[in-house]
Amino acid sequence: MDISQISEQLSPEPKRFPDCCLAISSTLITYLASLLPRKPKFTISIGSGSGLLEGLIVHYDKNVSVEGVEVDSTINRYIAEEDMNVVPGGWGLWSAAQEAAAWMLITKYIDTYGDQTVDFIVWLGPRVDWPDYEPRLCQSPFSEFSFPEHIGLTPYETVVVARRPS
């Protein structure tokens, strides 16, 4: 199924898709597309997997650029080939990450590139996993958190937007 067919299946209620670890809704895609920077700036999604979430965001708003970073290019199904970046392993970093305006992330990138030009970080995942990431982000340059509500997630998932303190 192509990205436009999947996009047509979205509704305001979160729906699970076999190619994504989050339940996805039209509300979530609209929220993320409005949050992420516009071209020529770009966002990187670290651990993008199949790229379904990223592909839906870009399909929804062509003025948003989301590049994927993954350890295996064969799992990508929805991110354009020119926007997919492969690192040699879970320990590998994509050096162009420091040029991105926003990250959807893994904390190792904060350690290596956190003092660069990145404006903010979007953390997406199960609510029960957030306590594992919160202390690390509290100690980073991105320690000001917002927890947007009513953005089309299931009750057990969350989005955290981490910014530099103003």
Foldseek 3Di string as FASTA:
>chain_A
DALVVVLVVAALAFDDDPQDQFGDHPLQLVVVLVPADFPPAAEEEEQCFQVNSVLNNCVVPVRYHYAYEEQDPVRHDRHPPVRYHHAPDPPGDDVCNLRHQEYQDDLVCQVPRVVGNHFKYKDKDFPVCVVVCLVSCCPGQFNDWDWDPSRHGDPGMTIIITGGDD
